[in-house]
């Protein structure tokens, strides 16, 4: 059995694979939440995947770590993918990739500084996978205004990071975003999106015959396997999906998601995409089968040694206030957006006062070259 633990409310990424594409392999995968983990008396035999690492609270991580310790005490050979404390989350991963020379761009927590070393930049959350919360920002004034807007819209600034932008488009302005999975020791190519927007997702990607062929060739060839393995190793990530681009022959890593969408529902797939799915799905099946091999026959592990003091906070927690505010904001976005825009415009003269509560680590905007997208 492959025991996967996800944050409450985030089982969806697994649904299409398990319900439509997984076949017999789906029977070997059990999805539970971290709240469920707090109630478990024993861990079923098999692999354990701690996912949603970037979304975990301190209580979640403490519980998962206690369970990890018990599992390793009982079975030194148990296969655990993604250690609750050893697997790097987004900010730490981007920082390590920069420090080790794998990435050429930096990320900054707003709580550390609001003055990056170079522009353009964008804002995004450290702990989710919704992409950028701002457009590209080309100087300090634009960044300050974006932070004020985020504050007015009740974003949790303690979870926002500034990310330096790297233009990876070709001479024609075409961006390519690749994705690949790691499952245990296996790296497998997932898809390639092509488009003319710097923030590239499936919905905005182009779908010409040439692009479809390039996408399929990428999935079949898995050309970046060796270099991607190094990036996963930096993050100590045993299960996840890396999103990246290639610039001048070098990998540019955007993020590694530890609870990614494995595959879309078949009803949402373009028929022409199904050839790519036909290559990917069997390799994903094989990767899950391989990771199970070393953990069979070990037996279930009692979890009575996991103290109630680490279980209780996960059992009784309530959604964070910031999370509730964001959910309400998404639900009533059409109604709230015009009102928020009026408040944003009215706040422009007071930006300095609104930003005063955030300590700047630099007293002046560094001199830097402003590089706009080539298209």
Protein backbone atom coordinates (compact mmCIF):
# COMPACT_ATOMS: atom_id res chain seq x y z
CA UNK A 1 0.00 0.00 0.00
CA UNK A 2 1.10 3.57 -0.71
CA UNK A 3 -0.17 5.74 2.13
CA UNK A 4 -0.44 9.38 1.00
CA UNK A 5 -1.16 12.20 3.44
CA UNK A 6 -2.56 15.48 2.15
CA UNK A 7 -3.67 18.72 3.74
CA UNK A 8 -7.39 18.81 4.53
CA UNK A 9 -9.29 19.97 1.45
CA UNK A 10 -6.54 19.02 -1.03
CA UNK A 11 -7.42 15.46 -2.07
CA UNK A 12 -8.54 16.68 -5.52
CA UNK A 13 -5.09 16.45 -7.20
CA UNK A 14 -5.28 12.66 -6.87
CA UNK A 15 -8.92 12.14 -7.92
CA UNK A 16 -8.64 11.82 -11.74
CA UNK A 17 -5.67 9.48 -11.53
CA UNK A 18 -7.30 7.22 -8.95
CA UNK A 19 -10.83 7.31 -10.37
CA UNK A 20 -10.19 7.30 -14.13
CA UNK A 21 -6.59 6.55 -15.07
CA UNK A 22 -5.17 4.46 -12.26
CA UNK A 23 -6.78 1.11 -13.08
CA UNK A 24 -5.63 -1.68 -10.76
CA UNK A 25 -2.80 0.53 -9.50
CA UNK A 26 -5.37 2.81 -7.83
CA UNK A 27 -6.22 -0.01 -5.41
CA UNK A 28 -2.70 0.24 -3.97
CA UNK A 29 -2.96 3.93 -3.07
CA UNK A 30 -4.70 5.23 0.04
CA UNK A 31 -5.28 8.97 0.45
CA UNK A 32 -5.76 10.40 3.94
CA UNK A 33 -5.56 13.87 5.45
CA UNK A 34 -3.29 14.98 8.26
CA UNK A 35 -6.40 15.18 10.43
CA UNK A 36 -6.92 11.48 9.66
CA UNK A 37 -3.28 10.88 10.62
CA UNK A 38 -4.00 12.30 14.06
CA UNK A 39 -6.60 9.54 14.53
CA UNK A 40 -4.62 6.57 13.22
CA UNK A 41 -3.82 3.76 15.65
CA UNK A 42 -1.47 2.06 13.21
CA UNK A 43 0.18 2.75 9.87
CA UNK A 44 -0.74 0.17 7.21
CA UNK A 45 2.09 -1.71 5.58
CA UNK A 46 3.83 0.02 2.71
CA UNK A 47 5.18 3.35 1.50
CA UNK A 48 4.37 6.64 3.23
CA UNK A 49 4.24 9.89 1.27
CA UNK A 50 4.00 13.11 3.26
CA UNK A 51 2.67 15.60 0.72
CA UNK A 52 1.56 19.25 0.83
CA UNK A 53 4.76 20.02 2.73
CA UNK A 54 4.54 23.74 1.90
CA UNK A 55 1.00 23.96 3.30
CA UNK A 56 1.66 22.26 6.63
CA UNK A 57 1.29 24.13 9.90
CA UNK A 58 3.81 23.68 12.69
CA UNK A 59 1.35 21.27 14.37
CA UNK A 60 1.01 19.23 11.16
CA UNK A 61 4.78 18.96 10.81
CA UNK A 62 5.23 17.99 14.45
CA UNK A 63 2.64 15.20 14.10
CA UNK A 64 4.09 13.92 10.82
CA UNK A 65 7.59 14.01 12.25
CA UNK A 66 6.52 12.01 15.30
CA UNK A 67 4.92 9.42 13.02
CA UNK A 68 8.04 9.33 10.84
CA UNK A 69 10.19 8.68 13.93
CA UNK A 70 7.98 5.76 15.03
CA UNK A 71 8.02 4.23 11.55
CA UNK A 72 11.80 4.39 11.31
CA UNK A 73 12.19 2.96 14.80
CA UNK A 74 10.09 -0.08 13.86
CA UNK A 75 11.34 -0.59 10.30
CA UNK A 76 14.65 0.99 9.35
CA UNK A 77 13.96 0.11 5.71
CA UNK A 78 10.51 1.72 5.48
CA UNK A 79 10.10 3.90 2.38
CA UNK A 80 9.15 7.44 3.45
CA UNK A 81 8.96 10.06 0.72
CA UNK A 82 9.27 13.71 1.81
CA UNK A 83 10.40 14.17 5.40
CA UNK A 84 8.20 16.68 7.26
CA UNK A 85 11.25 18.70 8.33
CA UNK A 86 13.95 17.63 5.85
CA UNK A 87 12.00 18.39 2.67
CA UNK A 88 12.46 22.03 1.71
CA UNK A 89 9.48 24.28 1.20
CA UNK A 90 9.24 26.83 -1.62
CA UNK A 91 11.22 29.75 -0.18
CA UNK A 92 13.98 27.56 1.27
CA UNK A 93 14.19 25.55 -1.95
CA UNK A 94 14.50 28.65 -4.14
CA UNK A 95 17.10 30.07 -1.75
CA UNK A 96 19.16 26.88 -1.82
CA UNK A 97 18.93 26.59 -5.60
CA UNK A 98 20.25 30.15 -5.89
CA UNK A 99 22.99 29.67 -3.29
CA UNK A 100 24.20 26.48 -5.00
CA UNK A 101 24.22 28.02 -8.46
CA UNK A 102 21.29 26.05 -9.89
CA UNK A 103 19.11 29.17 -10.31
CA UNK A 104 20.13 32.69 -11.24
CA UNK A 105 17.24 34.43 -9.46
CA UNK A 106 16.41 35.10 -5.82
CA UNK A 107 13.31 35.01 -3.65
CA UNK A 108 12.66 37.21 -0.61
CA UNK A 109 10.17 36.97 2.22
CA UNK A 110 8.24 40.21 2.72
CA UNK A 111 8.89 39.88 6.42
CA UNK A 112 12.64 40.08 5.68
CA UNK A 113 12.68 42.82 3.07
CA UNK A 114 10.53 44.66 0.56
CA UNK A 115 13.57 45.81 -1.43
CA UNK A 116 14.87 43.17 -3.88
CA UNK A 117 18.27 43.39 -5.54
CA UNK A 118 16.95 43.43 -9.09
CA UNK A 119 13.80 43.93 -11.11
CA UNK A 120 11.41 42.92 -12.54
CA UNK A 121 9.81 40.82 -9.79
CA UNK A 122 6.40 39.41 -8.90
CA UNK A 123 4.59 38.46 -5.72
CA UNK A 124 3.36 34.99 -4.89
CA UNK A 125 2.45 32.91 -1.87
CA UNK A 126 5.07 30.78 -0.21
CA UNK A 127 2.57 28.10 0.79
CA UNK A 128 0.21 27.47 -2.14
CA UNK A 129 0.20 26.73 -5.86
CA UNK A 130 -2.08 29.41 -7.30
CA UNK A 131 0.78 31.16 -9.10
CA UNK A 132 1.62 34.85 -8.97
CA UNK A 133 -0.62 37.24 -7.04
CA UNK A 134 0.69 40.21 -9.03
CA UNK A 135 1.81 41.04 -12.53
CA UNK A 136 5.43 41.81 -13.32
CA UNK A 137 6.68 44.76 -11.27
CA UNK A 138 9.47 46.80 -12.82
CA UNK A 139 10.59 49.14 -10.05
CA UNK A 140 10.27 49.77 -6.35
CA UNK A 141 7.24 52.03 -6.72
CA UNK A 142 5.31 49.31 -8.58
CA UNK A 143 6.33 46.73 -6.00
CA UNK A 144 5.29 48.97 -3.09
CA UNK A 145 1.93 49.56 -4.74
CA UNK A 146 1.44 45.81 -5.27
CA UNK A 147 2.18 45.15 -1.59
CA UNK A 148 -0.37 47.78 -0.59
CA UNK A 149 -2.92 46.21 -2.93
CA UNK A 150 -2.25 42.80 -1.42
CA UNK A 151 -2.74 44.21 2.06
CA UNK A 152 -6.03 45.92 1.10
CA UNK A 153 -7.26 42.66 -0.39
CA UNK A 154 -6.50 40.92 2.89
CA UNK A 155 -3.67 38.73 1.63
CA UNK A 156 -1.50 37.31 4.37
CA UNK A 157 1.70 39.32 3.86
CA UNK A 158 3.62 37.03 6.19
CA UNK A 159 3.19 34.29 3.57
CA UNK A 160 4.01 36.38 0.50
CA UNK A 161 7.39 36.25 -1.19
CA UNK A 162 9.03 38.44 -3.82
CA UNK A 163 10.47 36.43 -6.72
CA UNK A 164 12.86 37.86 -9.31
CA UNK A 165 11.68 37.31 -12.87
CA UNK A 166 13.80 35.49 -15.46
CA UNK A 167 12.77 35.88 -19.10
CA UNK A 168 13.12 32.41 -20.64
CA UNK A 169 11.28 33.20 -23.90
CA UNK A 170 12.94 32.58 -27.25
CA UNK A 171 13.59 35.14 -30.00
CA UNK A 172 9.92 34.92 -31.07
CA UNK A 173 8.65 35.54 -27.55
CA UNK A 174 7.58 31.92 -26.98
CA UNK A 175 7.78 30.60 -23.43
CA UNK A 176 8.04 26.88 -22.65
CA UNK A 177 7.25 25.51 -19.20
CA UNK A 178 8.16 21.88 -18.57
CA UNK A 179 6.98 19.58 -15.79
CA UNK A 180 8.38 16.29 -14.52
CA UNK A 181 7.59 13.97 -11.61
CA UNK A 182 9.80 12.25 -9.12
CA UNK A 183 8.43 9.09 -7.49
CA UNK A 184 11.05 7.47 -5.30
CA UNK A 185 14.08 7.07 -7.56
CA UNK A 186 12.18 7.55 -10.82
CA UNK A 187 12.11 10.83 -12.77
CA UNK A 188 9.47 10.95 -15.50
CA UNK A 189 8.54 13.76 -17.88
CA UNK A 190 4.95 14.96 -17.54
CA UNK A 191 4.18 17.71 -20.10
CA UNK A 192 5.43 20.85 -21.82
CA UNK A 193 3.29 23.98 -22.12
CA UNK A 194 3.98 26.56 -24.84
CA UNK A 195 2.66 30.12 -24.93
CA UNK A 196 3.32 33.83 -25.15
CA UNK A 197 2.46 34.78 -21.56
CA UNK A 198 5.19 34.83 -18.91
CA UNK A 199 2.82 33.16 -16.41
CA UNK A 200 2.10 30.00 -18.35
CA UNK A 201 -0.58 27.47 -17.42
CA UNK A 202 -2.49 24.82 -19.35
CA UNK A 203 -5.42 27.15 -20.04
CA UNK A 204 -3.24 29.73 -21.79
CA UNK A 205 -1.00 27.34 -23.71
CA UNK A 206 -1.13 27.06 -27.48
CA UNK A 207 -2.01 23.80 -29.16
CA UNK A 208 -0.65 23.75 -32.71
CA UNK A 209 0.45 20.50 -34.40
CA UNK A 210 4.10 21.48 -34.00
CA UNK A 211 3.64 22.16 -30.28
CA UNK A 212 1.79 18.87 -29.76
CA UNK A 213 4.68 17.01 -31.37
CA UNK A 214 7.26 18.83 -29.23
CA UNK A 215 5.21 18.06 -26.13
CA UNK A 216 4.99 14.37 -27.01
CA UNK A 217 8.70 14.18 -27.84
CA UNK A 218 9.52 15.70 -24.46
CA UNK A 219 7.42 13.17 -22.55
CA UNK A 220 8.88 10.26 -24.52
CA UNK A 221 12.47 11.47 -24.35
CA UNK A 222 12.62 12.78 -20.75
CA UNK A 223 15.67 14.83 -21.82
CA UNK A 224 16.49 16.58 -18.53
CA UNK A 225 16.33 13.60 -16.15
CA UNK A 226 19.88 13.86 -14.79
CA UNK A 227 19.78 17.59 -14.12
CA UNK A 228 16.31 17.41 -12.57
CA UNK A 229 17.47 14.74 -10.13
CA UNK A 230 20.00 17.22 -8.73
CA UNK A 231 17.23 19.78 -8.08
CA UNK A 232 15.03 17.23 -6.33
CA UNK A 233 18.03 16.19 -4.23
CA UNK A 234 18.61 19.80 -3.14
CA UNK A 235 15.06 19.86 -1.79
CA UNK A 236 15.24 16.31 -0.32
CA UNK A 237 12.05 15.59 -2.24
CA UNK A 238 11.06 11.99 -2.91
CA UNK A 239 7.63 12.69 -4.38
CA UNK A 240 6.60 15.79 -6.30
CA UNK A 241 6.46 17.61 -9.60
CA UNK A 242 9.03 20.16 -10.73
CA UNK A 243 7.95 23.05 -12.97
CA UNK A 244 10.85 24.54 -14.91
CA UNK A 245 12.09 26.19 -18.09
CA UNK A 246 15.34 26.06 -20.00
CA UNK A 247 17.44 29.15 -20.76
CA UNK A 248 20.68 28.89 -22.74
CA UNK A 249 20.77 25.17 -22.04
CA UNK A 250 20.38 25.58 -18.26
CA UNK A 251 17.43 24.45 -16.12
CA UNK A 252 15.50 27.30 -14.45
CA UNK A 253 13.42 25.87 -11.58
CA UNK A 254 10.21 27.68 -10.69
CA UNK A 255 8.91 25.34 -8.00
CA UNK A 256 8.51 21.75 -6.85
CA UNK A 257 4.97 20.88 -5.78
CA UNK A 258 4.65 18.00 -3.31
CA UNK A 259 0.92 17.53 -3.95
CA UNK A 260 0.58 18.17 -7.68
CA UNK A 261 -2.27 17.32 -10.02
CA UNK A 262 -1.12 14.05 -11.52
CA UNK A 263 -3.39 14.07 -14.56
CA UNK A 264 -6.55 15.90 -15.63
CA UNK A 265 -9.95 14.25 -15.85
CA UNK A 266 -10.34 12.58 -19.23
CA UNK A 267 -13.36 14.75 -20.05
CA UNK A 268 -11.09 17.81 -19.84
CA UNK A 269 -8.38 16.38 -22.07
CA UNK A 270 -8.06 17.34 -25.71
CA UNK A 271 -8.21 14.07 -27.71
CA UNK A 272 -4.86 14.98 -29.24
CA UNK A 273 -3.36 15.09 -25.76
CA UNK A 274 -4.35 11.51 -25.06
CA UNK A 275 -1.31 10.19 -26.96
CA UNK A 276 0.88 11.97 -24.42
CA UNK A 277 -1.29 10.61 -21.60
CA UNK A 278 -0.84 7.16 -23.06
CA UNK A 279 2.92 7.53 -22.64
CA UNK A 280 2.82 9.11 -19.20
CA UNK A 281 0.24 6.94 -17.42
CA UNK A 282 2.03 3.57 -17.76
CA UNK A 283 5.31 5.12 -16.61
CA UNK A 284 3.54 6.57 -13.58
CA UNK A 285 2.04 3.16 -12.83
CA UNK A 286 5.51 1.60 -13.05
CA UNK A 287 7.03 4.28 -10.80
CA UNK A 288 4.45 3.63 -8.07
CA UNK A 289 5.01 -0.12 -8.41
CA UNK A 290 8.78 0.32 -8.07
CA UNK A 291 8.54 2.43 -4.96
CA UNK A 292 6.39 -0.22 -3.30
CA UNK A 293 8.83 -3.07 -3.80
CA UNK A 294 11.12 -2.29 -0.90
CA UNK A 295 8.34 -1.87 1.65
CA UNK A 296 6.33 -5.04 1.14
CA UNK A 297 6.27 -7.62 3.88
CA UNK A 298 7.23 -5.21 6.68
CA UNK A 299 3.78 -5.27 8.30
CA UNK A 300 1.71 -2.46 9.82
CA UNK A 301 3.23 -0.30 12.56
CA UNK A 302 1.39 0.62 15.80
CA UNK A 303 1.30 4.37 16.38
CA UNK A 304 0.47 4.33 20.09
CA UNK A 305 3.91 5.87 20.77
CA UNK A 306 2.78 9.07 19.04
CA UNK A 307 1.92 11.28 21.99
CA UNK A 308 -1.51 12.86 22.37
CA UNK A 309 0.16 16.24 22.75
CA UNK A 310 1.04 16.25 19.05
CA UNK A 311 -2.21 14.65 17.92
CA UNK A 312 -4.64 16.96 19.73
CA UNK A 313 -3.77 20.29 18.04
CA UNK A 314 -4.32 18.74 14.59
CA UNK A 315 -7.62 17.15 15.63
CA UNK A 316 -9.20 20.31 16.99
CA UNK A 317 -7.79 23.05 14.77
CA UNK A 318 -9.97 25.60 13.05
CA UNK A 319 -9.21 27.16 9.64
CA UNK A 320 -6.88 30.12 9.97
CA UNK A 321 -8.56 33.52 9.80
CA UNK A 322 -6.51 34.49 6.75
CA UNK A 323 -7.60 31.32 4.95
CA UNK A 324 -11.26 32.04 5.69
CA UNK A 325 -10.89 35.59 4.39
CA UNK A 326 -9.27 34.34 1.18
CA UNK A 327 -12.04 31.79 0.59
CA UNK A 328 -14.71 34.48 1.03
CA UNK A 329 -12.74 36.75 -1.31
CA UNK A 330 -12.65 34.09 -4.02
CA UNK A 331 -16.35 33.32 -3.63
CA UNK A 332 -17.47 36.95 -3.94
CA UNK A 333 -14.69 38.15 -6.24
CA UNK A 334 -16.97 39.83 -8.80
CA UNK A 335 -18.72 41.87 -6.12
CA UNK A 336 -15.64 42.74 -4.07
CA UNK A 337 -13.18 43.57 -6.87
CA UNK A 338 -14.68 46.95 -7.87
CA UNK A 339 -14.88 48.06 -4.22
CA UNK A 340 -11.31 46.92 -3.59
CA UNK A 341 -10.12 48.85 -6.62
CA UNK A 342 -11.65 52.07 -5.29
CA UNK A 343 -9.90 51.55 -1.96
CA UNK A 344 -6.61 50.83 -3.76
CA UNK A 345 -6.77 54.09 -5.70
CA UNK A 346 -7.66 56.04 -2.56
CA UNK A 347 -4.71 54.51 -0.72
CA UNK A 348 -2.00 55.64 -3.17
CA UNK A 349 -1.15 58.86 -1.23
CA UNK A 350 -0.76 56.81 1.95
CA UNK A 351 1.47 54.01 0.65
CA UNK A 352 4.43 54.95 2.84
CA UNK A 353 2.33 54.87 5.97
CA UNK A 354 0.72 51.57 4.99
CA UNK A 355 4.13 50.02 4.38
CA UNK A 356 5.70 51.45 7.54
CA UNK A 357 4.84 48.36 9.58
CA UNK A 358 7.05 46.25 7.34
CA UNK A 359 10.68 46.62 8.22
CA UNK A 360 12.92 47.26 5.25
CA UNK A 361 16.33 45.66 5.31
CA UNK A 362 17.62 48.31 2.87
CA UNK A 363 17.08 52.05 3.07
CA UNK A 364 17.04 52.72 -0.66
CA UNK A 365 16.10 50.93 -3.83
CA UNK A 366 19.23 49.35 -5.29
CA UNK A 367 20.30 50.52 -8.71
CA UNK A 368 19.51 47.80 -11.20
CA UNK A 369 18.76 47.26 -14.85
CA UNK A 370 15.06 47.02 -15.63
CA UNK A 371 14.53 44.14 -18.04
CA UNK A 372 11.12 43.88 -19.64
CA UNK A 373 9.92 40.78 -21.47
CA UNK A 374 11.24 40.82 -25.03
CA UNK A 375 7.77 40.47 -26.52
